[in-house]
N, C-alpha and C. Protein backbone atom coordinates (compact mmCIF):
# COMPACT_ATOMS: atom_id res chain seq x y z
N UNK A 1 105.18 74.28 81.32
CA UNK A 1 106.30 75.23 81.30
C UNK A 1 107.58 74.51 80.88
N UNK A 2 108.34 75.13 80.02
CA UNK A 2 109.60 74.56 79.57
C UNK A 2 110.50 74.26 80.77
N UNK A 3 111.05 73.02 80.87
CA UNK A 3 111.86 72.64 82.03
C UNK A 3 113.06 73.56 82.28
N UNK A 4 113.72 73.99 81.21
CA UNK A 4 114.88 74.88 81.37
C UNK A 4 114.44 76.23 81.92
N UNK A 5 113.36 76.78 81.35
CA UNK A 5 112.84 78.07 81.82
C UNK A 5 112.36 77.96 83.26
N UNK A 6 111.76 76.81 83.59
CA UNK A 6 111.29 76.59 84.97
C UNK A 6 112.44 76.63 85.96
N UNK A 7 113.54 75.98 85.62
CA UNK A 7 114.69 75.95 86.53
C UNK A 7 115.35 77.33 86.64
N UNK A 8 115.41 78.05 85.53
CA UNK A 8 115.98 79.40 85.56
C UNK A 8 115.14 80.30 86.46
N UNK A 9 113.81 80.21 86.32
CA UNK A 9 112.91 81.01 87.14
C UNK A 9 113.02 80.61 88.61
N UNK A 10 113.07 79.32 88.85
CA UNK A 10 113.16 78.81 90.23
C UNK A 10 114.37 79.36 90.95
N UNK A 11 115.54 79.24 90.34
CA UNK A 11 116.78 79.65 91.01
C UNK A 11 116.96 81.16 91.00
N UNK A 12 116.36 81.83 90.04
CA UNK A 12 116.40 83.30 90.04
C UNK A 12 115.60 83.85 91.21
N UNK A 13 114.40 83.31 91.42
CA UNK A 13 113.57 83.73 92.55
C UNK A 13 114.24 83.41 93.88
N UNK A 14 114.83 82.22 93.97
CA UNK A 14 115.52 81.83 95.20
C UNK A 14 116.67 82.79 95.49
N UNK A 15 117.45 83.12 94.46
CA UNK A 15 118.59 84.01 94.64
C UNK A 15 118.16 85.41 95.08
N UNK A 16 117.08 85.91 94.47
CA UNK A 16 116.57 87.23 94.84
C UNK A 16 116.13 87.27 96.30
N UNK A 17 115.42 86.24 96.73
CA UNK A 17 114.94 86.19 98.12
C UNK A 17 116.10 86.07 99.10
N UNK A 18 117.06 85.21 98.76
CA UNK A 18 118.21 85.01 99.64
C UNK A 18 119.07 86.26 99.74
N UNK A 19 119.36 86.87 98.61
CA UNK A 19 120.19 88.07 98.61
C UNK A 19 119.48 89.23 99.32
N UNK A 20 118.16 89.29 99.19
CA UNK A 20 117.41 90.35 99.86
C UNK A 20 117.51 90.22 101.37
N UNK A 21 117.35 89.00 101.88
CA UNK A 21 117.41 88.78 103.32
C UNK A 21 118.82 89.02 103.87
N UNK A 22 119.81 88.42 103.22
CA UNK A 22 121.19 88.58 103.68
C UNK A 22 121.65 90.03 103.51
N UNK A 23 121.35 90.61 102.35
CA UNK A 23 121.77 91.98 102.07
C UNK A 23 121.16 92.98 103.03
N UNK A 24 119.90 92.78 103.40
CA UNK A 24 119.23 93.70 104.32
C UNK A 24 119.88 93.65 105.70
N UNK A 25 120.24 92.46 106.13
CA UNK A 25 120.89 92.31 107.43
C UNK A 25 122.27 92.96 107.42
N UNK A 26 123.07 92.67 106.39
CA UNK A 26 124.42 93.25 106.29
C UNK A 26 124.35 94.76 106.20
N UNK A 27 123.40 95.27 105.39
CA UNK A 27 123.24 96.72 105.23
C UNK A 27 122.87 97.39 106.55
N UNK A 28 121.96 96.75 107.30
CA UNK A 28 121.56 97.32 108.59
C UNK A 28 122.70 97.34 109.59
N UNK A 29 123.47 96.26 109.63
CA UNK A 29 124.60 96.19 110.56
C UNK A 29 125.70 97.17 110.15
N UNK A 30 125.98 97.25 108.85
CA UNK A 30 127.04 98.14 108.37
C UNK A 30 126.73 99.60 108.65
N UNK A 31 125.45 99.96 108.61
CA UNK A 31 125.05 101.34 108.85
C UNK A 31 124.60 101.58 110.30
N UNK A 32 124.78 100.53 111.13
CA UNK A 32 124.45 100.61 112.55
C UNK A 32 122.99 101.04 112.79
N UNK A 33 122.10 100.51 111.95
CA UNK A 33 120.68 100.80 112.12
C UNK A 33 119.87 99.51 112.30
N UNK A 34 120.56 98.39 112.45
CA UNK A 34 119.84 97.12 112.59
C UNK A 34 119.02 97.13 113.87
N UNK A 35 117.77 96.69 113.77
CA UNK A 35 116.92 96.54 114.95
C UNK A 35 115.93 95.41 114.72
N UNK A 36 115.38 94.89 115.78
CA UNK A 36 114.50 93.73 115.70
C UNK A 36 113.26 93.99 114.85
N UNK A 37 112.69 95.17 114.99
CA UNK A 37 111.41 95.44 114.31
C UNK A 37 111.56 95.56 112.81
N UNK A 38 112.60 96.21 112.34
CA UNK A 38 112.76 96.46 110.92
C UNK A 38 113.56 95.42 110.16
N UNK A 39 114.41 94.67 110.86
CA UNK A 39 115.33 93.78 110.16
C UNK A 39 115.14 92.29 110.48
N UNK A 40 114.59 91.96 111.62
CA UNK A 40 114.34 90.54 111.91
C UNK A 40 113.18 90.04 111.05
N UNK A 41 113.31 88.87 110.41
CA UNK A 41 112.26 88.39 109.49
C UNK A 41 111.08 87.78 110.24
N UNK A 42 110.40 88.61 111.05
CA UNK A 42 109.29 88.13 111.85
C UNK A 42 107.94 88.65 111.37
N UNK A 43 107.96 89.69 110.51
CA UNK A 43 106.71 90.10 109.87
C UNK A 43 106.27 88.99 108.93
N UNK A 44 105.01 89.06 108.49
CA UNK A 44 104.47 88.00 107.64
C UNK A 44 105.28 87.81 106.37
N UNK A 45 105.70 88.91 105.76
CA UNK A 45 106.48 88.80 104.52
C UNK A 45 107.87 88.24 104.78
N UNK A 46 108.44 88.52 105.96
CA UNK A 46 109.74 87.95 106.31
C UNK A 46 109.68 86.45 106.50
N UNK A 47 108.66 86.00 107.23
CA UNK A 47 108.46 84.55 107.43
C UNK A 47 108.16 83.89 106.09
N UNK A 48 107.32 84.53 105.29
CA UNK A 48 106.97 83.99 103.97
C UNK A 48 108.22 83.83 103.10
N UNK A 49 109.12 84.80 103.19
CA UNK A 49 110.34 84.76 102.40
C UNK A 49 111.19 83.55 102.75
N UNK A 50 111.36 83.30 104.06
CA UNK A 50 112.15 82.15 104.50
C UNK A 50 111.50 80.84 104.06
N UNK A 51 110.18 80.76 104.24
CA UNK A 51 109.46 79.54 103.84
C UNK A 51 109.48 79.37 102.32
N UNK A 52 109.41 80.48 101.60
CA UNK A 52 109.43 80.41 100.13
C UNK A 52 110.74 79.83 99.63
N UNK A 53 111.85 80.21 100.28
CA UNK A 53 113.14 79.65 99.88
C UNK A 53 113.19 78.15 100.11
N UNK A 54 112.63 77.71 101.23
CA UNK A 54 112.57 76.27 101.52
C UNK A 54 111.69 75.57 100.48
N UNK A 55 110.57 76.19 100.14
CA UNK A 55 109.65 75.62 99.16
C UNK A 55 110.30 75.52 97.78
N UNK A 56 111.07 76.53 97.41
CA UNK A 56 111.76 76.49 96.12
C UNK A 56 112.81 75.38 96.07
N UNK A 57 113.40 75.08 97.21
CA UNK A 57 114.40 74.01 97.28
C UNK A 57 113.76 72.63 97.28
N UNK A 58 112.62 72.51 97.96
CA UNK A 58 112.06 71.18 98.22
C UNK A 58 110.78 70.87 97.46
N UNK A 59 110.07 71.92 97.00
CA UNK A 59 108.74 71.76 96.40
C UNK A 59 107.79 71.05 97.37
N UNK A 60 107.96 71.30 98.66
CA UNK A 60 107.08 70.71 99.67
C UNK A 60 105.69 71.33 99.56
N UNK A 61 104.68 70.52 99.34
CA UNK A 61 103.35 71.04 99.03
C UNK A 61 102.68 71.68 100.25
N UNK A 62 102.97 71.21 101.45
CA UNK A 62 102.40 71.84 102.64
C UNK A 62 102.93 73.25 102.81
N UNK A 63 104.22 73.42 102.58
CA UNK A 63 104.82 74.76 102.68
C UNK A 63 104.30 75.65 101.55
N UNK A 64 104.09 75.07 100.37
CA UNK A 64 103.57 75.84 99.25
C UNK A 64 102.16 76.34 99.55
N UNK A 65 101.36 75.53 100.22
CA UNK A 65 100.03 75.97 100.64
C UNK A 65 100.11 77.18 101.57
N UNK A 66 101.08 77.14 102.48
CA UNK A 66 101.27 78.27 103.40
C UNK A 66 101.66 79.52 102.61
N UNK A 67 102.60 79.36 101.68
CA UNK A 67 103.06 80.49 100.88
C UNK A 67 101.93 81.08 100.06
N UNK A 68 101.07 80.22 99.55
CA UNK A 68 99.95 80.70 98.74
C UNK A 68 99.08 81.67 99.53
N UNK A 69 98.85 81.36 100.79
CA UNK A 69 97.95 82.18 101.60
C UNK A 69 98.64 83.39 102.25
N UNK A 70 99.90 83.23 102.66
CA UNK A 70 100.53 84.33 103.39
C UNK A 70 101.60 85.07 102.59
N UNK A 71 101.88 84.58 101.38
CA UNK A 71 102.97 85.19 100.62
C UNK A 71 102.55 86.09 99.48
N UNK A 72 101.42 85.81 98.85
CA UNK A 72 101.05 86.53 97.63
C UNK A 72 100.33 87.85 97.95
N UNK A 73 99.14 87.75 98.55
CA UNK A 73 98.34 88.94 98.82
C UNK A 73 99.03 89.90 99.81
N UNK A 74 99.60 89.41 100.94
CA UNK A 74 100.30 90.34 101.83
C UNK A 74 101.42 91.10 101.14
N UNK A 75 102.16 90.42 100.26
CA UNK A 75 103.24 91.09 99.53
C UNK A 75 102.69 92.15 98.58
N UNK A 76 101.57 91.84 97.92
CA UNK A 76 100.97 92.81 96.99
C UNK A 76 100.42 94.02 97.74
N UNK A 77 99.75 93.76 98.87
CA UNK A 77 99.22 94.87 99.68
C UNK A 77 100.36 95.75 100.18
N UNK A 78 101.46 95.11 100.59
CA UNK A 78 102.61 95.87 101.07
C UNK A 78 103.21 96.73 99.95
N UNK A 79 103.21 96.20 98.73
CA UNK A 79 103.72 96.98 97.59
C UNK A 79 102.81 98.17 97.27
N UNK A 80 101.51 97.98 97.46
CA UNK A 80 100.55 99.04 97.17
C UNK A 80 100.54 100.12 98.25
N UNK A 81 100.88 99.71 99.50
CA UNK A 81 100.93 100.67 100.61
C UNK A 81 102.30 100.56 101.29
N UNK A 82 103.36 100.95 100.60
CA UNK A 82 104.72 100.72 101.11
C UNK A 82 105.05 101.57 102.35
N UNK A 83 105.58 100.89 103.36
CA UNK A 83 106.07 101.59 104.55
C UNK A 83 107.58 101.72 104.40
N UNK A 84 108.00 102.65 103.53
CA UNK A 84 109.41 102.83 103.21
C UNK A 84 109.83 104.24 103.59
N UNK A 85 110.91 104.33 104.35
CA UNK A 85 111.38 105.63 104.80
C UNK A 85 112.73 105.99 104.17
N UNK A 86 113.03 105.33 103.03
CA UNK A 86 114.26 105.61 102.29
C UNK A 86 113.88 106.08 100.90
N UNK A 87 114.70 106.90 100.31
CA UNK A 87 114.44 107.38 98.96
C UNK A 87 115.33 106.63 97.97
N UNK A 88 114.84 106.48 96.75
CA UNK A 88 115.62 105.82 95.70
C UNK A 88 116.84 106.69 95.36
N UNK A 89 118.03 106.09 95.05
CA UNK A 89 118.32 104.67 94.86
C UNK A 89 118.91 104.00 96.10
N UNK A 90 118.43 104.33 97.28
CA UNK A 90 118.89 103.73 98.52
C UNK A 90 118.68 102.21 98.49
N UNK A 91 119.63 101.46 99.08
CA UNK A 91 119.54 100.00 99.08
C UNK A 91 118.24 99.53 99.73
N UNK A 92 117.88 100.15 100.86
CA UNK A 92 116.67 99.75 101.56
C UNK A 92 115.43 99.92 100.70
N UNK A 93 115.40 100.98 99.91
CA UNK A 93 114.27 101.24 99.00
C UNK A 93 114.19 100.16 97.93
N UNK A 94 115.30 99.87 97.27
CA UNK A 94 115.31 98.87 96.19
C UNK A 94 115.04 97.47 96.73
N UNK A 95 115.62 97.17 97.90
CA UNK A 95 115.41 95.85 98.50
C UNK A 95 113.93 95.62 98.79
N UNK A 96 113.27 96.64 99.32
CA UNK A 96 111.86 96.53 99.69
C UNK A 96 111.01 96.09 98.49
N UNK A 97 111.15 96.79 97.37
CA UNK A 97 110.30 96.52 96.23
C UNK A 97 110.69 95.23 95.50
N UNK A 98 111.98 95.01 95.32
CA UNK A 98 112.42 93.78 94.65
C UNK A 98 112.04 92.56 95.46
N UNK A 99 112.24 92.65 96.77
CA UNK A 99 111.95 91.53 97.67
C UNK A 99 110.48 91.15 97.63
N UNK A 100 109.59 92.13 97.76
CA UNK A 100 108.16 91.83 97.81
C UNK A 100 107.62 91.38 96.46
N UNK A 101 108.16 91.92 95.37
CA UNK A 101 107.75 91.44 94.05
C UNK A 101 108.19 90.00 93.83
N UNK A 102 109.42 89.67 94.24
CA UNK A 102 109.92 88.30 94.11
C UNK A 102 109.09 87.34 94.95
N UNK A 103 108.66 87.79 96.13
CA UNK A 103 107.87 86.93 97.02
C UNK A 103 106.51 86.62 96.40
N UNK A 104 105.84 87.64 95.87
CA UNK A 104 104.53 87.43 95.25
C UNK A 104 104.64 86.49 94.04
N UNK A 105 105.67 86.71 93.20
CA UNK A 105 105.85 85.87 92.03
C UNK A 105 106.23 84.43 92.41
N UNK A 106 106.94 84.29 93.52
CA UNK A 106 107.30 82.94 93.98
C UNK A 106 106.06 82.15 94.34
N UNK A 107 105.11 82.79 95.05
CA UNK A 107 103.87 82.11 95.40
C UNK A 107 103.11 81.64 94.17
N UNK A 108 103.02 82.48 93.16
CA UNK A 108 102.33 82.13 91.92
C UNK A 108 103.09 81.01 91.19
N UNK A 109 104.40 81.15 91.09
CA UNK A 109 105.24 80.17 90.40
C UNK A 109 105.09 78.78 91.03
N UNK A 110 105.15 78.70 92.34
CA UNK A 110 105.10 77.41 93.03
C UNK A 110 103.77 76.69 92.79
N UNK A 111 102.68 77.45 92.80
CA UNK A 111 101.37 76.84 92.55
C UNK A 111 101.29 76.32 91.11
N UNK A 112 101.82 77.07 90.17
CA UNK A 112 101.72 76.69 88.76
C UNK A 112 102.55 75.46 88.42
N UNK A 113 103.77 75.38 88.95
CA UNK A 113 104.67 74.32 88.51
C UNK A 113 104.54 73.03 89.33
N UNK A 114 103.97 73.11 90.53
CA UNK A 114 103.88 71.91 91.37
C UNK A 114 102.48 71.32 91.41
N UNK A 115 101.50 72.04 90.83
CA UNK A 115 100.11 71.59 90.82
C UNK A 115 99.61 71.28 92.25
N UNK A 116 100.04 72.10 93.19
CA UNK A 116 99.61 71.94 94.57
C UNK A 116 98.12 72.26 94.68
N UNK A 117 97.39 71.38 95.36
CA UNK A 117 95.94 71.55 95.50
C UNK A 117 95.62 72.42 96.72
N UNK A 118 94.75 73.38 96.53
CA UNK A 118 94.26 74.22 97.61
C UNK A 118 92.82 73.85 97.89
N UNK A 119 92.54 73.34 99.09
CA UNK A 119 91.19 72.95 99.48
C UNK A 119 90.70 73.85 100.60
N UNK A 120 89.40 73.77 100.89
CA UNK A 120 88.86 74.56 102.00
C UNK A 120 89.47 74.08 103.32
N UNK A 121 89.76 72.79 103.40
CA UNK A 121 90.40 72.28 104.61
C UNK A 121 91.80 72.89 104.78
N UNK A 122 92.54 73.01 103.69
CA UNK A 122 93.87 73.62 103.78
C UNK A 122 93.76 75.09 104.15
N UNK A 123 92.70 75.77 103.69
CA UNK A 123 92.46 77.16 104.09
C UNK A 123 92.32 77.26 105.61
N UNK A 124 91.49 76.40 106.19
CA UNK A 124 91.28 76.42 107.65
C UNK A 124 92.57 76.07 108.39
N UNK A 125 93.31 75.13 107.84
CA UNK A 125 94.56 74.72 108.47
C UNK A 125 95.57 75.87 108.46
N UNK A 126 95.71 76.55 107.33
CA UNK A 126 96.66 77.66 107.24
C UNK A 126 96.23 78.82 108.13
N UNK A 127 94.92 79.03 108.25
CA UNK A 127 94.42 80.10 109.12
C UNK A 127 94.72 79.78 110.59
N UNK A 128 94.65 78.50 110.93
CA UNK A 128 95.00 78.09 112.30
C UNK A 128 96.49 78.32 112.56
N UNK A 129 97.34 77.98 111.58
CA UNK A 129 98.78 78.24 111.72
C UNK A 129 99.04 79.73 111.93
N UNK A 130 98.34 80.56 111.17
CA UNK A 130 98.51 82.01 111.28
C UNK A 130 98.17 82.49 112.69
N UNK A 131 97.10 81.96 113.25
CA UNK A 131 96.69 82.39 114.58
C UNK A 131 97.66 81.95 115.66
N UNK A 132 98.21 80.75 115.51
CA UNK A 132 99.22 80.28 116.47
C UNK A 132 100.45 81.18 116.40
N UNK A 133 100.88 81.50 115.19
CA UNK A 133 102.05 82.38 115.03
C UNK A 133 101.74 83.77 115.57
N UNK A 134 100.53 84.27 115.32
CA UNK A 134 100.15 85.59 115.80
C UNK A 134 100.15 85.65 117.33
N UNK A 135 99.73 84.56 117.97
CA UNK A 135 99.73 84.52 119.44
C UNK A 135 101.16 84.62 119.97
N UNK A 136 102.09 83.93 119.32
CA UNK A 136 103.50 84.00 119.71
C UNK A 136 104.05 85.41 119.52
N UNK A 137 103.74 86.02 118.37
CA UNK A 137 104.23 87.36 118.06
C UNK A 137 103.62 88.40 119.01
N UNK A 138 102.37 88.21 119.38
CA UNK A 138 101.70 89.14 120.31
C UNK A 138 102.45 89.19 121.63
N UNK A 139 102.84 88.02 122.12
CA UNK A 139 103.60 87.96 123.38
C UNK A 139 104.98 88.57 123.20
N UNK A 140 105.63 88.25 122.06
CA UNK A 140 106.97 88.80 121.78
C UNK A 140 106.93 90.32 121.69
N UNK A 141 105.91 90.85 121.03
CA UNK A 141 105.77 92.31 120.95
C UNK A 141 105.71 92.95 122.33
N UNK A 142 104.96 92.34 123.23
CA UNK A 142 104.83 92.87 124.58
C UNK A 142 106.16 92.81 125.33
N UNK A 143 106.94 91.77 125.06
CA UNK A 143 108.19 91.58 125.80
C UNK A 143 109.29 92.53 125.32
N UNK A 144 109.38 92.76 124.02
CA UNK A 144 110.51 93.55 123.50
C UNK A 144 110.09 94.89 122.88
N UNK A 145 108.79 95.20 122.93
CA UNK A 145 108.33 96.50 122.48
C UNK A 145 108.32 96.71 120.98
N UNK A 146 108.06 95.66 120.21
CA UNK A 146 108.02 95.76 118.75
C UNK A 146 106.56 95.77 118.26
N UNK A 147 106.40 95.85 116.97
CA UNK A 147 105.06 95.87 116.38
C UNK A 147 104.98 94.90 115.20
N UNK A 148 105.53 93.71 115.36
CA UNK A 148 105.48 92.70 114.31
C UNK A 148 104.03 92.29 114.06
N UNK A 149 103.73 92.05 112.78
CA UNK A 149 102.39 91.71 112.31
C UNK A 149 101.39 92.83 112.56
N UNK A 150 101.88 93.97 113.02
CA UNK A 150 101.03 95.14 113.33
C UNK A 150 99.95 94.78 114.35
N UNK A 151 100.36 93.97 115.32
CA UNK A 151 99.45 93.58 116.38
C UNK A 151 99.40 94.60 117.51
N UNK A 152 100.45 95.42 117.62
CA UNK A 152 100.45 96.45 118.66
C UNK A 152 99.72 97.70 118.18
N UNK A 153 99.85 98.01 116.89
CA UNK A 153 99.17 99.18 116.30
C UNK A 153 99.22 99.05 114.79
N UNK A 154 98.47 99.91 114.11
CA UNK A 154 98.49 99.89 112.65
C UNK A 154 99.80 100.48 112.13
N UNK A 155 100.14 100.24 110.86
CA UNK A 155 101.38 100.79 110.30
C UNK A 155 101.38 102.32 110.32
N UNK A 156 102.55 102.90 110.16
CA UNK A 156 102.69 104.36 110.14
C UNK A 156 102.11 104.97 108.87
N UNK A 157 102.03 104.18 107.79
CA UNK A 157 101.44 104.67 106.55
C UNK A 157 99.98 104.23 106.48
N UNK A 158 99.24 104.82 105.56
CA UNK A 158 97.82 104.48 105.40
C UNK A 158 97.67 103.12 104.73
N UNK A 159 96.95 102.20 105.37
CA UNK A 159 96.71 100.86 104.86
C UNK A 159 95.26 100.47 105.14
N UNK A 160 94.78 99.37 104.56
CA UNK A 160 93.42 98.90 104.87
C UNK A 160 93.21 98.61 106.36
N UNK A 161 94.29 98.40 107.12
CA UNK A 161 94.16 98.12 108.54
C UNK A 161 93.62 99.32 109.32
N UNK A 162 93.71 100.50 108.74
CA UNK A 162 93.26 101.71 109.44
C UNK A 162 91.76 101.70 109.72
N UNK A 163 91.00 100.95 108.95
CA UNK A 163 89.54 100.95 109.12
C UNK A 163 89.07 99.89 110.12
N UNK A 164 90.00 99.18 110.73
CA UNK A 164 89.62 98.05 111.59
C UNK A 164 89.31 98.46 113.03
N UNK A 165 89.44 99.75 113.33
CA UNK A 165 89.10 100.19 114.68
C UNK A 165 90.27 100.11 115.63
N UNK A 166 89.96 100.06 116.91
CA UNK A 166 91.00 100.02 117.94
C UNK A 166 90.58 99.08 119.07
N UNK A 167 91.52 98.81 119.97
CA UNK A 167 91.23 97.94 121.11
C UNK A 167 90.87 96.53 120.68
N UNK A 168 89.91 95.95 121.38
CA UNK A 168 89.49 94.57 121.09
C UNK A 168 88.92 94.45 119.69
N UNK A 169 88.19 95.50 119.25
CA UNK A 169 87.59 95.46 117.93
C UNK A 169 88.64 95.38 116.83
N UNK A 170 89.80 95.94 117.07
CA UNK A 170 90.87 95.87 116.09
C UNK A 170 91.26 94.42 115.83
N UNK A 171 91.38 93.64 116.90
CA UNK A 171 91.78 92.23 116.75
C UNK A 171 90.66 91.40 116.15
N UNK A 172 89.41 91.68 116.54
CA UNK A 172 88.29 90.94 115.96
C UNK A 172 88.19 91.22 114.46
N UNK A 173 88.25 92.50 114.10
CA UNK A 173 88.17 92.87 112.69
C UNK A 173 89.38 92.38 111.90
N UNK A 174 90.54 92.34 112.56
CA UNK A 174 91.74 91.84 111.89
C UNK A 174 91.58 90.36 111.57
N UNK A 175 90.98 89.60 112.49
CA UNK A 175 90.71 88.18 112.23
C UNK A 175 89.77 88.02 111.03
N UNK A 176 88.70 88.81 111.03
CA UNK A 176 87.74 88.74 109.94
C UNK A 176 88.36 89.18 108.62
N UNK A 177 89.19 90.21 108.68
CA UNK A 177 89.88 90.71 107.48
C UNK A 177 90.78 89.63 106.89
N UNK A 178 91.56 88.99 107.74
CA UNK A 178 92.48 87.94 107.27
C UNK A 178 91.73 86.74 106.73
N UNK A 179 90.65 86.35 107.42
CA UNK A 179 89.87 85.21 106.94
C UNK A 179 89.21 85.54 105.61
N UNK A 180 88.76 86.79 105.45
CA UNK A 180 88.19 87.21 104.18
C UNK A 180 89.21 87.14 103.05
N UNK A 181 90.46 87.54 103.34
CA UNK A 181 91.52 87.44 102.34
C UNK A 181 91.77 85.98 101.97
N UNK A 182 91.77 85.12 102.96
CA UNK A 182 91.98 83.69 102.71
C UNK A 182 90.86 83.13 101.83
N UNK A 183 89.61 83.54 102.12
CA UNK A 183 88.49 83.09 101.30
C UNK A 183 88.64 83.58 99.86
N UNK A 184 89.09 84.82 99.73
CA UNK A 184 89.31 85.36 98.39
C UNK A 184 90.37 84.59 97.63
N UNK A 185 91.47 84.25 98.32
CA UNK A 185 92.54 83.48 97.69
C UNK A 185 92.05 82.08 97.30
N UNK A 186 91.23 81.49 98.17
CA UNK A 186 90.66 80.17 97.88
C UNK A 186 89.75 80.25 96.66
N UNK A 187 88.92 81.32 96.60
CA UNK A 187 88.03 81.50 95.46
C UNK A 187 88.79 81.68 94.15
N UNK A 188 89.89 82.43 94.19
CA UNK A 188 90.70 82.62 93.00
C UNK A 188 91.28 81.30 92.52
N UNK A 189 91.74 80.49 93.47
CA UNK A 189 92.31 79.19 93.11
C UNK A 189 91.24 78.31 92.47
N UNK A 190 90.05 78.27 93.08
CA UNK A 190 88.98 77.43 92.55
C UNK A 190 88.59 77.88 91.14
N UNK A 191 88.54 79.19 90.93
CA UNK A 191 88.21 79.72 89.61
C UNK A 191 89.26 79.32 88.59
N UNK A 192 90.53 79.45 88.98
CA UNK A 192 91.63 79.06 88.09
C UNK A 192 91.61 77.56 87.82
N UNK A 193 91.40 76.76 88.88
CA UNK A 193 91.40 75.30 88.74
C UNK A 193 90.25 74.85 87.84
N UNK A 194 89.09 75.51 88.00
CA UNK A 194 87.94 75.17 87.16
C UNK A 194 88.22 75.48 85.71
N UNK A 195 88.82 76.65 85.46
CA UNK A 195 89.15 77.04 84.09
C UNK A 195 90.14 76.07 83.47
N UNK A 196 91.16 75.70 84.26
CA UNK A 196 92.16 74.75 83.76
C UNK A 196 91.53 73.40 83.52
N UNK A 197 90.60 72.99 84.41
CA UNK A 197 89.92 71.71 84.25
C UNK A 197 89.10 71.66 82.98
N UNK A 198 88.42 72.77 82.67
CA UNK A 198 87.63 72.84 81.43
C UNK A 198 88.54 72.73 80.21
N UNK A 199 89.69 73.42 80.25
CA UNK A 199 90.63 73.37 79.14
C UNK A 199 91.17 71.96 78.94
N UNK A 200 91.45 71.27 80.06
CA UNK A 200 91.95 69.89 79.99
C UNK A 200 90.90 68.98 79.38
N UNK A 201 89.62 69.14 79.81
CA UNK A 201 88.56 68.31 79.27
C UNK A 201 88.38 68.55 77.77
N UNK A 202 88.50 69.81 77.34
CA UNK A 202 88.39 70.12 75.92
C UNK A 202 89.50 69.42 75.13
N UNK A 203 90.71 69.45 75.68
CA UNK A 203 91.84 68.80 75.02
C UNK A 203 91.63 67.29 74.95
N UNK A 204 91.12 66.72 76.04
CA UNK A 204 90.88 65.27 76.07
C UNK A 204 89.81 64.89 75.05
N UNK A 205 88.71 65.66 75.04
CA UNK A 205 87.62 65.37 74.10
C UNK A 205 88.08 65.54 72.65
N UNK A 206 88.88 66.58 72.42
CA UNK A 206 89.40 66.81 71.07
C UNK A 206 90.32 65.67 70.65
N UNK A 207 91.17 65.20 71.59
CA UNK A 207 92.07 64.10 71.30
C UNK A 207 91.30 62.82 71.03
N UNK A 208 90.24 62.61 71.84
CA UNK A 208 89.42 61.41 71.66
C UNK A 208 88.72 61.43 70.32
N UNK A 209 88.19 62.62 69.94
CA UNK A 209 87.51 62.77 68.66
C UNK A 209 88.46 62.51 67.51
N UNK A 210 89.67 63.08 67.60
CA UNK A 210 90.65 62.89 66.53
C UNK A 210 91.05 61.42 66.42
N UNK A 211 91.18 60.74 67.56
CA UNK A 211 91.53 59.32 67.54
C UNK A 211 90.42 58.50 66.91
N UNK A 212 89.16 58.84 67.25
CA UNK A 212 88.02 58.11 66.69
C UNK A 212 87.94 58.30 65.18
N UNK A 213 88.16 59.55 64.73
CA UNK A 213 88.14 59.82 63.30
C UNK A 213 89.24 59.06 62.58
N UNK A 214 90.41 58.98 63.21
CA UNK A 214 91.54 58.27 62.61
C UNK A 214 91.21 56.80 62.43
N UNK A 215 90.61 56.20 63.48
CA UNK A 215 90.23 54.78 63.40
C UNK A 215 89.17 54.57 62.33
N UNK A 216 88.20 55.51 62.27
CA UNK A 216 87.11 55.40 61.29
C UNK A 216 87.66 55.43 59.86
N UNK A 217 88.54 56.40 59.58
CA UNK A 217 89.11 56.52 58.24
C UNK A 217 89.97 55.32 57.90
N UNK A 218 90.67 54.78 58.92
CA UNK A 218 91.51 53.62 58.67
C UNK A 218 90.66 52.42 58.27
N UNK A 219 89.54 52.22 59.00
CA UNK A 219 88.65 51.10 58.69
C UNK A 219 87.97 51.31 57.35
N UNK A 220 87.62 52.56 57.06
CA UNK A 220 86.90 52.88 55.82
C UNK A 220 87.74 52.57 54.59
N UNK A 221 89.01 52.99 54.64
CA UNK A 221 89.87 52.83 53.46
C UNK A 221 90.59 51.49 53.41
N UNK A 222 90.50 50.72 54.47
CA UNK A 222 91.16 49.42 54.47
C UNK A 222 90.20 48.32 54.02
N UNK A 223 88.93 48.68 53.88
CA UNK A 223 87.96 47.65 53.46
C UNK A 223 87.69 47.73 51.97
């Protein structure tokens, strides 16, 4: 990727994420509708957004691994099943879609430009982080009556979570659902890495062949 274009993309994504978070808070306070459930960045996409901004600043590969797993697919699913109660051109409506699109593209961008490796071990590690965070949010939900991470109930709109059942089965199926998404993300990375590896080997072999031909012709015509 062209270095200038890379930097423009990097800071554009950072600015979009930052303005979305700050703007959403100011908008909520100004309209006296701010509340913990809708405006605190404790949902998965909110946490991903904060971590994504840190990753864009630092290119920290551990954080990029986290963003890869919790930032791309959740943001896309949220865009496909939006829980939006505002109509366009309301700020909340525009913020929702711009924010989640920027988050998904940030995850893709970071993987492409930093060559961060995704391994099965990193998959298990990120899944463990998710469960630790979910345990904290589960307790917080009980204390303040919120529904962060949709651990108290499914969203108000129709989403894939609706098929996970209720009670204990909801949590068991939610674990399996999330792990399945992680496996899918890992598989996509491996497929992409394999394709890129094949392309690199072709370029290396082509370069080697061209170098060998050059040496051969040089020896041929110099004798």
